[in-house]
Amino acid sequence: MNQFIHVGFGNIVNTDKVIAVVSPDSAPVKRMVQTAKETGTAVDATQGRKTKAVLVMENGQLVLSALLPETIANRAQTGREDLDEA
């Protein structure tokens, strides 16, 4: 069953396709984001705000979010707990 997580501003992502949620502050991640923007594989879900998290998808795309990585991880964990209770 597909689970989805809200990554800000009405945007949702399939949690089964997320490999990692990382901070955009390190130089390697900044290079990944720049390359993804140049090649068209970046999905900007920030609505013009500062990127605080980068979701690396299994197909190589990057989803840029204005939410902190911890917030996204907590939302993903909460969603799993809700399914376990059902």
PDB file of N, CA and C in Angstrom:
ATOM      1  N   MET A   1       0.838  -1.180   0.000  1.00  0.00           N
ATOM      2  CA  MET A   1       0.000   0.000   0.000  1.00  0.00           C
ATOM      3  C   MET A   1       0.889   1.252   0.000  1.00  0.00           C
ATOM      4  N   ASN A   2       0.588   2.183  -0.853  1.00  0.00           N
ATOM      5  CA  ASN A   2       1.372   3.412  -0.950  1.00  0.00           C
ATOM      6  C   ASN A   2       1.075   4.335   0.215  1.00  0.00           C
ATOM      7  N   GLN A   3       2.134   4.879   0.798  1.00  0.00           N
ATOM      8  CA  GLN A   3       2.008   5.896   1.825  1.00  0.00           C
ATOM      9  C   GLN A   3       2.533   7.197   1.250  1.00  0.00           C
ATOM     10  N   PHE A   4       1.917   8.282   1.639  1.00  0.00           N
ATOM     11  CA  PHE A   4       2.337   9.589   1.159  1.00  0.00           C
ATOM     12  C   PHE A   4       2.666  10.474   2.349  1.00  0.00           C
ATOM     13  N   ILE A   5       3.592  11.393   2.122  1.00  0.00           N
ATOM     14  CA  ILE A   5       3.987  12.328   3.172  1.00  0.00           C
ATOM     15  C   ILE A   5       3.899  13.750   2.622  1.00  0.00           C
ATOM     16  N   HIS A   6       3.391  14.632   3.457  1.00  0.00           N
ATOM     17  CA  HIS A   6       3.256  16.042   3.099  1.00  0.00           C
ATOM     18  C   HIS A   6       4.620  16.707   3.256  1.00  0.00           C
ATOM     19  N   VAL A   7       5.123  17.331   2.178  1.00  0.00           N
ATOM     20  CA  VAL A   7       6.441  17.975   2.225  1.00  0.00           C
ATOM     21  C   VAL A   7       6.336  19.496   2.166  1.00  0.00           C
ATOM     22  N   GLY A   8       5.134  20.017   2.397  1.00  0.00           N
ATOM     23  CA  GLY A   8       4.946  21.459   2.464  1.00  0.00           C
ATOM     24  C   GLY A   8       4.146  22.023   1.318  1.00  0.00           C
ATOM     25  N   PHE A   9       3.299  22.992   1.648  1.00  0.00           N
ATOM     26  CA  PHE A   9       2.532  23.761   0.671  1.00  0.00           C
ATOM     27  C   PHE A   9       1.657  22.886  -0.222  1.00  0.00           C
ATOM     28  N   GLY A  10       1.048  21.866   0.350  1.00  0.00           N
ATOM     29  CA  GLY A  10       0.132  21.012  -0.397  1.00  0.00           C
ATOM     30  C   GLY A  10       0.805  19.991  -1.289  1.00  0.00           C
ATOM     31  N   ASN A  11       2.098  19.836  -1.175  1.00  0.00           N
ATOM     32  CA  ASN A  11       2.836  18.869  -1.987  1.00  0.00           C
ATOM     33  C   ASN A  11       3.038  17.584  -1.197  1.00  0.00           C
ATOM     34  N   ILE A  12       2.839  16.448  -1.862  1.00  0.00           N
ATOM     35  CA  ILE A  12       3.008  15.159  -1.204  1.00  0.00           C
ATOM     36  C   ILE A  12       3.939  14.278  -2.023  1.00  0.00           C
ATOM     37  N   VAL A  13       4.593  13.339  -1.334  1.00  0.00           N
ATOM     38  CA  VAL A  13       5.564  12.450  -1.955  1.00  0.00           C
ATOM     39  C   VAL A  13       5.265  11.030  -1.493  1.00  0.00           C
ATOM     40  N   ASN A  14       5.447  10.068  -2.388  1.00  0.00           N
ATOM     41  CA  ASN A  14       5.284   8.661  -2.057  1.00  0.00           C
ATOM     42  C   ASN A  14       6.470   8.221  -1.205  1.00  0.00           C
ATOM     43  N   THR A  15       6.224   7.819   0.036  1.00  0.00           N
ATOM     44  CA  THR A  15       7.314   7.462   0.946  1.00  0.00           C
ATOM     45  C   THR A  15       8.057   6.209   0.500  1.00  0.00           C
ATOM     46  N   ASP A  16       7.415   5.350  -0.266  1.00  0.00           N
ATOM     47  CA  ASP A  16       8.077   4.131  -0.741  1.00  0.00           C
ATOM     48  C   ASP A  16       9.188   4.446  -1.740  1.00  0.00           C
ATOM     49  N   LYS A  17       9.172   5.619  -2.331  1.00  0.00           N
ATOM     50  CA  LYS A  17      10.148   6.002  -3.354  1.00  0.00           C
ATOM     51  C   LYS A  17      11.279   6.878  -2.818  1.00  0.00           C
ATOM     52  N   VAL A  18      11.220   7.249  -1.535  1.00  0.00           N
ATOM     53  CA  VAL A  18      12.237   8.117  -0.939  1.00  0.00           C
ATOM     54  C   VAL A  18      13.409   7.273  -0.442  1.00  0.00           C
ATOM     55  N   ILE A  19      14.612   7.630  -0.877  1.00  0.00           N
ATOM     56  CA  ILE A  19      15.820   6.944  -0.415  1.00  0.00           C
ATOM     57  C   ILE A  19      16.381   7.640   0.819  1.00  0.00           C
ATOM     58  N   ALA A  20      16.421   8.982   0.786  1.00  0.00           N
ATOM     59  CA  ALA A  20      17.009   9.736   1.896  1.00  0.00           C
ATOM     60  C   ALA A  20      16.403  11.126   1.973  1.00  0.00           C
ATOM     61  N   VAL A  21      16.424  11.686   3.177  1.00  0.00           N
ATOM     62  CA  VAL A  21      16.048  13.078   3.402  1.00  0.00           C
ATOM     63  C   VAL A  21      17.272  13.731   4.033  1.00  0.00           C
ATOM     64  N   VAL A  22      17.875  14.678   3.309  1.00  0.00           N
ATOM     65  CA  VAL A  22      19.142  15.260   3.752  1.00  0.00           C
ATOM     66  C   VAL A  22      19.063  16.779   3.819  1.00  0.00           C
ATOM     67  N   SER A  23      19.959  17.345   4.600  1.00  0.00           N
ATOM     68  CA  SER A  23      20.093  18.797   4.693  1.00  0.00           C
ATOM     69  C   SER A  23      20.801  19.312   3.442  1.00  0.00           C
ATOM     70  N   PRO A  24      20.394  20.464   2.936  1.00  0.00           N
ATOM     71  CA  PRO A  24      21.009  21.003   1.714  1.00  0.00           C
ATOM     72  C   PRO A  24      22.284  21.811   1.965  1.00  0.00           C
ATOM     73  N   ASP A  25      22.796  21.801   3.179  1.00  0.00           N
ATOM     74  CA  ASP A  25      23.895  22.697   3.540  1.00  0.00           C
ATOM     75  C   ASP A  25      25.285  22.225   3.128  1.00  0.00           C
ATOM     76  N   SER A  26      25.478  20.927   2.934  1.00  0.00           N
ATOM     77  CA  SER A  26      26.824  20.447   2.592  1.00  0.00           C
ATOM     78  C   SER A  26      27.126  20.688   1.112  1.00  0.00           C
ATOM     79  N   ALA A  27      28.402  20.817   0.808  1.00  0.00           N
ATOM     80  CA  ALA A  27      28.823  21.077  -0.575  1.00  0.00           C
ATOM     81  C   ALA A  27      28.400  19.965  -1.539  1.00  0.00           C
ATOM     82  N   PRO A  28      28.526  18.680  -1.175  1.00  0.00           N
ATOM     83  CA  PRO A  28      28.098  17.635  -2.113  1.00  0.00           C
ATOM     84  C   PRO A  28      26.600  17.696  -2.438  1.00  0.00           C
ATOM     85  N   VAL A  29      25.785  18.000  -1.431  1.00  0.00           N
ATOM     86  CA  VAL A  29      24.339  18.093  -1.673  1.00  0.00           C
ATOM     87  C   VAL A  29      24.037  19.328  -2.512  1.00  0.00           C
ATOM     88  N   LYS A  30      24.734  20.422  -2.267  1.00  0.00           N
ATOM     89  CA  LYS A  30      24.544  21.626  -3.085  1.00  0.00           C
ATOM     90  C   LYS A  30      24.862  21.335  -4.550  1.00  0.00           C
ATOM     91  N   ARG A  31      25.927  20.556  -4.790  1.00  0.00           N
ATOM     92  CA  ARG A  31      26.273  20.182  -6.169  1.00  0.00           C
ATOM     93  C   ARG A  31      25.193  19.289  -6.770  1.00  0.00           C
ATOM     94  N   MET A  32      24.679  18.348  -5.976  1.00  0.00           N
ATOM     95  CA  MET A  32      23.604  17.473  -6.469  1.00  0.00           C
ATOM     96  C   MET A  32      22.383  18.290  -6.871  1.00  0.00           C
ATOM     97  N   VAL A  33      22.013  19.257  -6.035  1.00  0.00           N
ATOM     98  CA  VAL A  33      20.846  20.096  -6.315  1.00  0.00           C
ATOM     99  C   VAL A  33      21.085  20.926  -7.571  1.00  0.00           C
ATOM    100  N   GLN A  34      22.255  21.523  -7.702  1.00  0.00           N
ATOM    101  CA  GLN A  34      22.561  22.339  -8.881  1.00  0.00           C
ATOM    102  C   GLN A  34      22.506  21.500 -10.151  1.00  0.00           C
ATOM    103  N   THR A  35      23.090  20.310 -10.106  1.00  0.00           N
ATOM    104  CA  THR A  35      23.065  19.414 -11.267  1.00  0.00           C
ATOM    105  C   THR A  35      21.635  19.013 -11.605  1.00  0.00           C
ATOM    106  N   ALA A  36      20.838  18.709 -10.582  1.00  0.00           N
ATOM    107  CA  ALA A  36      19.447  18.312 -10.814  1.00  0.00           C
ATOM    108  C   ALA A  36      18.643  19.459 -11.426  1.00  0.00           C
ATOM    109  N   LYS A  37      18.899  20.679 -10.981  1.00  0.00           N
ATOM    110  CA  LYS A  37      18.204  21.833 -11.563  1.00  0.00           C
ATOM    111  C   LYS A  37      18.587  22.012 -13.027  1.00  0.00           C
ATOM    112  N   GLU A  38      19.868  21.829 -13.334  1.00  0.00           N
ATOM    113  CA  GLU A  38      20.341  21.991 -14.711  1.00  0.00           C
ATOM    114  C   GLU A  38      19.797  20.913 -15.639  1.00  0.00           C
ATOM    115  N   THR A  39      19.625  19.704 -15.133  1.00  0.00           N
ATOM    116  CA  THR A  39      19.157  18.590 -15.967  1.00  0.00           C
ATOM    117  C   THR A  39      17.645  18.402 -15.914  1.00  0.00           C
ATOM    118  N   GLY A  40      16.971  19.180 -15.081  1.00  0.00           N
ATOM    119  CA  GLY A  40      15.518  19.084 -15.006  1.00  0.00           C
ATOM    120  C   GLY A  40      15.009  17.949 -14.142  1.00  0.00           C
ATOM    121  N   THR A  41      15.846  17.430 -13.255  1.00  0.00           N
ATOM    122  CA  THR A  41      15.405  16.337 -12.386  1.00  0.00           C
ATOM    123  C   THR A  41      15.133  16.803 -10.956  1.00  0.00           C
ATOM    124  N   ALA A  42      15.084  18.112 -10.740  1.00  0.00           N
ATOM    125  CA  ALA A  42      14.748  18.660  -9.426  1.00  0.00           C
ATOM    126  C   ALA A  42      13.287  19.098  -9.432  1.00  0.00           C
ATOM    127  N   VAL A  43      12.578  18.732  -8.379  1.00  0.00           N
ATOM    128  CA  VAL A  43      11.200  19.170  -8.185  1.00  0.00           C
ATOM    129  C   VAL A  43      11.222  20.146  -7.013  1.00  0.00           C
ATOM    130  N   ASP A  44      10.948  21.408  -7.296  1.00  0.00           N
ATOM    131  CA  ASP A  44      11.016  22.452  -6.272  1.00  0.00           C
ATOM    132  C   ASP A  44       9.651  22.614  -5.621  1.00  0.00           C
ATOM    133  N   ALA A  45       9.533  22.151  -4.375  1.00  0.00           N
ATOM    134  CA  ALA A  45       8.279  22.243  -3.630  1.00  0.00           C
ATOM    135  C   ALA A  45       8.387  23.282  -2.516  1.00  0.00           C
ATOM    136  N   THR A  46       9.259  24.270  -2.690  1.00  0.00           N
ATOM    137  CA  THR A  46       9.503  25.261  -1.637  1.00  0.00           C
ATOM    138  C   THR A  46       8.617  26.496  -1.728  1.00  0.00           C
ATOM    139  N   GLN A  47       7.939  26.692  -2.842  1.00  0.00           N
ATOM    140  CA  GLN A  47       7.116  27.887  -3.056  1.00  0.00           C
ATOM    141  C   GLN A  47       7.932  29.165  -2.863  1.00  0.00           C
ATOM    142  N   GLY A  48       9.187  29.147  -3.313  1.00  0.00           N
ATOM    143  CA  GLY A  48      10.035  30.324  -3.248  1.00  0.00           C
ATOM    144  C   GLY A  48      10.742  30.533  -1.924  1.00  0.00           C
ATOM    145  N   ARG A  49      10.517  29.647  -0.982  1.00  0.00           N
ATOM    146  CA  ARG A  49      11.178  29.773   0.315  1.00  0.00           C
ATOM    147  C   ARG A  49      12.528  29.058   0.300  1.00  0.00           C
ATOM    148  N   LYS A  50      13.277  29.215   1.367  1.00  0.00           N
ATOM    149  CA  LYS A  50      14.601  28.591   1.466  1.00  0.00           C
ATOM    150  C   LYS A  50      14.461  27.071   1.538  1.00  0.00           C
ATOM    151  N   THR A  51      15.300  26.369   0.790  1.00  0.00           N
ATOM    152  CA  THR A  51      15.315  24.909   0.832  1.00  0.00           C
ATOM    153  C   THR A  51      15.958  24.466   2.134  1.00  0.00           C
ATOM    154  N   LYS A  52      15.215  23.667   2.916  1.00  0.00           N
ATOM    155  CA  LYS A  52      15.733  23.171   4.191  1.00  0.00           C
ATOM    156  C   LYS A  52      15.928  21.664   4.182  1.00  0.00           C
ATOM    157  N   ALA A  53      15.353  20.981   3.182  1.00  0.00           N
ATOM    158  CA  ALA A  53      15.523  19.532   3.071  1.00  0.00           C
ATOM    159  C   ALA A  53      15.508  19.137   1.606  1.00  0.00           C
ATOM    160  N   VAL A  54      16.294  18.116   1.296  1.00  0.00           N
ATOM    161  CA  VAL A  54      16.331  17.550  -0.047  1.00  0.00           C
ATOM    162  C   VAL A  54      15.958  16.082   0.075  1.00  0.00           C
ATOM    163  N   LEU A  55      14.903  15.676  -0.626  1.00  0.00           N
ATOM    164  CA  LEU A  55      14.495  14.280  -0.645  1.00  0.00           C
ATOM    165  C   LEU A  55      15.070  13.638  -1.896  1.00  0.00           C
ATOM    166  N   VAL A  56      15.855  12.603  -1.705  1.00  0.00           N
ATOM    167  CA  VAL A  56      16.454  11.875  -2.817  1.00  0.00           C
ATOM    168  C   VAL A  56      15.522  10.712  -3.140  1.00  0.00           C
ATOM    169  N   MET A  57      15.020  10.692  -4.379  1.00  0.00           N
ATOM    170  CA  MET A  57      14.068   9.666  -4.790  1.00  0.00           C
ATOM    171  C   MET A  57      14.797   8.521  -5.487  1.00  0.00           C
ATOM    172  N   GLU A  58      14.167   7.339  -5.511  1.00  0.00           N
ATOM    173  CA  GLU A  58      14.839   6.174  -6.085  1.00  0.00           C
ATOM    174  C   GLU A  58      15.064   6.283  -7.588  1.00  0.00           C
ATOM    175  N   ASN A  59      14.340   7.163  -8.272  1.00  0.00           N
ATOM    176  CA  ASN A  59      14.549   7.346  -9.711  1.00  0.00           C
ATOM    177  C   ASN A  59      15.601   8.419 -10.013  1.00  0.00           C
ATOM    178  N   GLY A  60      16.261   8.934  -8.970  1.00  0.00           N
ATOM    179  CA  GLY A  60      17.312   9.923  -9.156  1.00  0.00           C
ATOM    180  C   GLY A  60      16.843  11.362  -9.062  1.00  0.00           C
ATOM    181  N   GLN A  61      15.545  11.582  -9.012  1.00  0.00           N
ATOM    182  CA  GLN A  61      15.048  12.946  -8.884  1.00  0.00           C
ATOM    183  C   GLN A  61      15.258  13.449  -7.461  1.00  0.00           C
ATOM    184  N   LEU A  62      15.330  14.764  -7.328  1.00  0.00           N
ATOM    185  CA  LEU A  62      15.434  15.401  -6.022  1.00  0.00           C
ATOM    186  C   LEU A  62      14.194  16.248  -5.800  1.00  0.00           C
ATOM    187  N   VAL A  63      13.614  16.160  -4.617  1.00  0.00           N
ATOM    188  CA  VAL A  63      12.488  17.000  -4.241  1.00  0.00           C
ATOM    189  C   VAL A  63      13.003  17.973  -3.190  1.00  0.00           C
ATOM    190  N   LEU A  64      12.863  19.265  -3.468  1.00  0.00           N
ATOM    191  CA  LEU A  64      13.324  20.310  -2.558  1.00  0.00           C
ATOM    192  C   LEU A  64      12.159  20.763  -1.697  1.00  0.00           C
ATOM    193  N   SER A  65      12.366  20.782  -0.380  1.00  0.00           N
ATOM    194  CA  SER A  65      11.301  21.140   0.548  1.00  0.00           C
ATOM    195  C   SER A  65      11.743  22.267   1.465  1.00  0.00           C
ATOM    196  N   ALA A  66      10.787  23.092   1.882  1.00  0.00           N
ATOM    197  CA  ALA A  66      11.059  24.170   2.827  1.00  0.00           C
ATOM    198  C   ALA A  66      10.912  23.692   4.267  1.00  0.00           C
ATOM    199  N   LEU A  67      10.584  22.426   4.462  1.00  0.00           N
ATOM    200  CA  LEU A  67      10.486  21.863   5.809  1.00  0.00           C
ATOM    201  C   LEU A  67      11.826  21.272   6.221  1.00  0.00           C
ATOM    202  N   LEU A  68      12.077  21.235   7.514  1.00  0.00           N
ATOM    203  CA  LEU A  68      13.306  20.633   8.024  1.00  0.00           C
ATOM    204  C   LEU A  68      13.276  19.117   7.835  1.00  0.00           C
ATOM    205  N   PRO A  69      14.442  18.493   7.645  1.00  0.00           N
ATOM    206  CA  PRO A  69      14.482  17.030   7.510  1.00  0.00           C
ATOM    207  C   PRO A  69      13.837  16.318   8.700  1.00  0.00           C
ATOM    208  N   GLU A  70      14.022  16.854   9.907  1.00  0.00           N
ATOM    209  CA  GLU A  70      13.435  16.245  11.099  1.00  0.00           C
ATOM    210  C   GLU A  70      11.910  16.259  11.033  1.00  0.00           C
ATOM    211  N   THR A  71      11.345  17.345  10.539  1.00  0.00           N
ATOM    212  CA  THR A  71       9.893  17.453  10.410  1.00  0.00           C
ATOM    213  C   THR A  71       9.368  16.411   9.435  1.00  0.00           C
ATOM    214  N   ILE A  72      10.036  16.260   8.314  1.00  0.00           N
ATOM    215  CA  ILE A  72       9.614  15.282   7.311  1.00  0.00           C
ATOM    216  C   ILE A  72       9.736  13.869   7.873  1.00  0.00           C
ATOM    217  N   ALA A  73      10.840  13.586   8.571  1.00  0.00           N
ATOM    218  CA  ALA A  73      11.030  12.261   9.167  1.00  0.00           C
ATOM    219  C   ALA A  73       9.961  11.970  10.214  1.00  0.00           C
ATOM    220  N   ASN A  74       9.622  12.962  11.035  1.00  0.00           N
ATOM    221  CA  ASN A  74       8.571  12.772  12.040  1.00  0.00           C
ATOM    222  C   ASN A  74       7.230  12.495  11.390  1.00  0.00           C
ATOM    223  N   ARG A  75       6.926  13.189  10.305  1.00  0.00           N
ATOM    224  CA  ARG A  75       5.660  12.956   9.607  1.00  0.00           C
ATOM    225  C   ARG A  75       5.618  11.558   9.005  1.00  0.00           C
ATOM    226  N   ALA A  76       6.745  11.108   8.477  1.00  0.00           N
ATOM    227  CA  ALA A  76       6.804   9.759   7.910  1.00  0.00           C
ATOM    228  C   ALA A  76       6.619   8.724   9.012  1.00  0.00           C
ATOM    229  N   GLN A  77       7.268   8.936  10.157  1.00  0.00           N
ATOM    230  CA  GLN A  77       7.157   7.996  11.274  1.00  0.00           C
ATOM    231  C   GLN A  77       5.736   7.965  11.816  1.00  0.00           C
ATOM    232  N   THR A  78       5.106   9.120  11.949  1.00  0.00           N
ATOM    233  CA  THR A  78       3.730   9.193  12.433  1.00  0.00           C
ATOM    234  C   THR A  78       2.793   8.443  11.499  1.00  0.00           C
ATOM    235  N   GLY A  79       3.010   8.572  10.204  1.00  0.00           N
ATOM    236  CA  GLY A  79       2.185   7.863   9.228  1.00  0.00           C
ATOM    237  C   GLY A  79       2.316   6.364   9.365  1.00  0.00           C
ATOM    238  N   ARG A  80       3.524   5.868   9.628  1.00  0.00           N
ATOM    239  CA  ARG A  80       3.733   4.428   9.813  1.00  0.00           C
ATOM    240  C   ARG A  80       3.054   3.939  11.085  1.00  0.00           C
ATOM    241  N   GLU A  81       3.128   4.728  12.156  1.00  0.00           N
ATOM    242  CA  GLU A  81       2.491   4.343  13.414  1.00  0.00           C
ATOM    243  C   GLU A  81       0.982   4.270  13.250  1.00  0.00           C
ATOM    244  N   ASP A  82       0.405   5.198  12.484  1.00  0.00           N
ATOM    245  CA  ASP A  82      -1.033   5.177  12.239  1.00  0.00           C
ATOM    246  C   ASP A  82      -1.435   3.905  11.509  1.00  0.00           C
ATOM    247  N   LEU A  83      -0.624   3.456  10.561  1.00  0.00           N
ATOM    248  CA  LEU A  83      -0.927   2.224   9.836  1.00  0.00           C
ATOM    249  C   LEU A  83      -0.807   1.007  10.738  1.00  0.00           C
ATOM    250  N   ASP A  84       0.171   1.010  11.643  1.00  0.00           N
ATOM    251  CA  ASP A  84       0.360  -0.115  12.551  1.00  0.00           C
ATOM    252  C   ASP A  84      -0.827  -0.282  13.490  1.00  0.00           C
ATOM    253  N   GLU A  85      -1.448   0.830  13.876  1.00  0.00           N
ATOM    254  CA  GLU A  85      -2.585   0.782  14.789  1.00  0.00           C
ATOM    255  C   GLU A  85      -3.852   0.294  14.105  1.00  0.00           C
ATOM    256  N   ALA A  86      -3.941   0.454  12.802  1.00  0.00           N
ATOM    257  CA  ALA A  86      -5.166   0.094  12.069  1.00  0.00           C
ATOM    258  C   ALA A  86      -5.347  -1.402  11.967  1.00  0.00           C
TER     259      ALA A  86
END
